[in-house]
Amino acid sequence: MNPEVSHPRWSQATERRIGEDGLFAKKRKTLMFNGYEPQVGQLYTGMDLRRFF
């Protein structure tokens, strides 16, 4: 997940996490690769992350 690129139908910049304070929870900023960037970021080296969000 690349929060800097919007999906054609919605923004990926913010999210509500399942199980956190129910349906009315405030949205939080989406982290790159859902927060796993330190672990998986190197797998995407050289990939066009704007095209393959």
N, C-alpha and C. Protein backbone atom coordinates (compact mmCIF):
# COMPACT_ATOMS: atom_id res chain seq x y z
N MET A 1 0.84 -1.16 0.00
CA MET A 1 0.00 0.00 0.00
C MET A 1 0.89 1.23 0.00
N ASN A 2 0.62 2.11 -0.94
CA ASN A 2 1.37 3.35 -1.05
C ASN A 2 0.42 4.50 -0.74
N PRO A 3 0.51 5.11 0.44
CA PRO A 3 -0.42 6.17 0.81
C PRO A 3 -0.26 7.45 -0.01
N GLU A 4 0.81 7.57 -0.76
CA GLU A 4 1.04 8.76 -1.57
C GLU A 4 0.29 8.72 -2.90
N VAL A 5 -0.26 7.56 -3.25
CA VAL A 5 -0.98 7.39 -4.52
C VAL A 5 -2.41 6.98 -4.22
N SER A 6 -3.36 7.72 -4.74
CA SER A 6 -4.76 7.38 -4.51
C SER A 6 -5.21 6.24 -5.41
N HIS A 7 -6.03 5.39 -4.86
CA HIS A 7 -6.71 4.35 -5.63
C HIS A 7 -7.65 5.08 -6.58
N PRO A 8 -8.01 4.53 -7.74
CA PRO A 8 -8.91 5.23 -8.65
C PRO A 8 -10.25 5.63 -8.02
N ARG A 9 -10.68 4.92 -6.98
CA ARG A 9 -11.99 5.21 -6.39
C ARG A 9 -11.93 5.86 -5.01
N TRP A 10 -10.78 5.86 -4.33
CA TRP A 10 -10.69 6.45 -3.00
C TRP A 10 -9.24 6.76 -2.64
N SER A 11 -9.08 7.55 -1.63
CA SER A 11 -7.74 7.90 -1.15
C SER A 11 -7.19 6.78 -0.28
N GLN A 12 -5.89 6.58 -0.37
CA GLN A 12 -5.23 5.61 0.50
C GLN A 12 -4.41 6.31 1.58
N ALA A 13 -4.56 7.63 1.69
CA ALA A 13 -3.76 8.42 2.63
C ALA A 13 -4.14 8.17 4.08
N THR A 14 -5.42 7.83 4.33
CA THR A 14 -5.87 7.56 5.69
C THR A 14 -6.62 6.24 5.72
N GLU A 15 -6.75 5.69 6.93
CA GLU A 15 -7.44 4.42 7.09
C GLU A 15 -8.06 4.31 8.47
N ARG A 16 -9.03 3.44 8.60
CA ARG A 16 -9.57 3.03 9.90
C ARG A 16 -9.17 1.58 10.08
N ARG A 17 -8.58 1.28 11.20
CA ARG A 17 -8.16 -0.10 11.44
C ARG A 17 -9.30 -0.91 12.01
N ILE A 18 -9.45 -2.10 11.52
CA ILE A 18 -10.49 -3.01 12.00
C ILE A 18 -10.20 -3.34 13.46
N GLY A 19 -11.25 -3.26 14.28
CA GLY A 19 -11.13 -3.62 15.68
C GLY A 19 -10.70 -2.49 16.60
N GLU A 20 -10.43 -1.33 16.07
CA GLU A 20 -10.04 -0.19 16.91
C GLU A 20 -11.21 0.77 17.07
N ASP A 21 -11.87 0.73 18.18
CA ASP A 21 -12.93 1.66 18.55
C ASP A 21 -14.14 1.65 17.63
N GLY A 22 -14.37 0.58 16.92
CA GLY A 22 -15.59 0.44 16.13
C GLY A 22 -15.64 1.29 14.88
N LEU A 23 -16.84 1.42 14.35
CA LEU A 23 -17.07 2.09 13.08
C LEU A 23 -16.80 3.59 13.14
N PHE A 24 -16.90 4.19 14.31
CA PHE A 24 -16.78 5.64 14.42
C PHE A 24 -15.38 6.08 14.87
N ALA A 25 -14.42 5.20 14.76
CA ALA A 25 -13.04 5.55 15.11
C ALA A 25 -12.51 6.59 14.14
N LYS A 26 -11.64 7.46 14.63
CA LYS A 26 -11.01 8.45 13.75
C LYS A 26 -10.05 7.74 12.81
N LYS A 27 -9.92 8.31 11.63
CA LYS A 27 -8.98 7.76 10.66
C LYS A 27 -7.56 8.13 11.07
N ARG A 28 -6.62 7.29 10.70
CA ARG A 28 -5.20 7.55 10.95
C ARG A 28 -4.48 7.57 9.62
N LYS A 29 -3.30 8.18 9.60
CA LYS A 29 -2.50 8.18 8.38
C LYS A 29 -2.06 6.75 8.07
N THR A 30 -2.16 6.40 6.81
CA THR A 30 -1.72 5.08 6.37
C THR A 30 -0.20 5.06 6.27
N LEU A 31 0.41 4.03 6.78
CA LEU A 31 1.85 3.88 6.71
C LEU A 31 2.24 3.15 5.43
N MET A 32 3.41 3.47 4.91
CA MET A 32 3.90 2.81 3.71
C MET A 32 3.99 1.30 3.95
N PHE A 33 3.49 0.53 3.01
CA PHE A 33 3.46 -0.93 3.11
C PHE A 33 2.80 -1.39 4.41
N ASN A 34 1.77 -0.65 4.83
CA ASN A 34 1.00 -0.96 6.04
C ASN A 34 1.89 -1.05 7.28
N GLY A 35 2.97 -0.29 7.30
CA GLY A 35 3.83 -0.26 8.47
C GLY A 35 4.98 -1.26 8.44
N TYR A 36 5.05 -2.06 7.38
CA TYR A 36 6.10 -3.07 7.28
C TYR A 36 7.25 -2.64 6.38
N GLU A 37 7.37 -1.34 6.14
CA GLU A 37 8.41 -0.85 5.24
C GLU A 37 9.82 -1.30 5.64
N PRO A 38 10.19 -1.26 6.93
CA PRO A 38 11.55 -1.71 7.28
C PRO A 38 11.79 -3.18 6.93
N GLN A 39 10.75 -4.00 7.00
CA GLN A 39 10.91 -5.42 6.74
C GLN A 39 10.82 -5.78 5.25
N VAL A 40 9.97 -5.08 4.48
CA VAL A 40 9.73 -5.49 3.10
C VAL A 40 10.12 -4.45 2.05
N GLY A 41 10.52 -3.27 2.47
CA GLY A 41 10.84 -2.19 1.53
C GLY A 41 11.84 -2.58 0.47
N GLN A 42 12.85 -3.36 0.82
CA GLN A 42 13.88 -3.75 -0.14
C GLN A 42 13.32 -4.65 -1.24
N LEU A 43 12.20 -5.31 -1.01
CA LEU A 43 11.59 -6.16 -2.03
C LEU A 43 11.03 -5.34 -3.19
N TYR A 44 10.78 -4.06 -2.95
CA TYR A 44 10.17 -3.19 -3.95
C TYR A 44 11.17 -2.22 -4.56
N THR A 45 12.44 -2.39 -4.32
CA THR A 45 13.47 -1.53 -4.87
C THR A 45 13.41 -1.57 -6.40
N GLY A 46 13.35 -0.40 -7.02
CA GLY A 46 13.31 -0.31 -8.48
C GLY A 46 11.92 -0.41 -9.07
N MET A 47 10.91 -0.73 -8.28
CA MET A 47 9.54 -0.85 -8.79
C MET A 47 8.89 0.53 -8.82
N ASP A 48 8.11 0.78 -9.85
CA ASP A 48 7.37 2.04 -9.97
C ASP A 48 6.18 1.99 -9.01
N LEU A 49 6.33 2.57 -7.83
CA LEU A 49 5.29 2.50 -6.81
C LEU A 49 4.12 3.45 -7.08
N ARG A 50 4.25 4.31 -8.06
CA ARG A 50 3.10 5.13 -8.48
C ARG A 50 2.19 4.30 -9.38
N ARG A 51 2.76 3.45 -10.18
CA ARG A 51 1.97 2.60 -11.08
C ARG A 51 1.44 1.36 -10.36
N PHE A 52 2.28 0.75 -9.57
CA PHE A 52 1.90 -0.48 -8.85
C PHE A 52 1.72 -0.16 -7.37
N PHE A 53 0.67 0.61 -7.08
CA PHE A 53 0.44 1.05 -5.70
C PHE A 53 -0.08 -0.08 -4.89
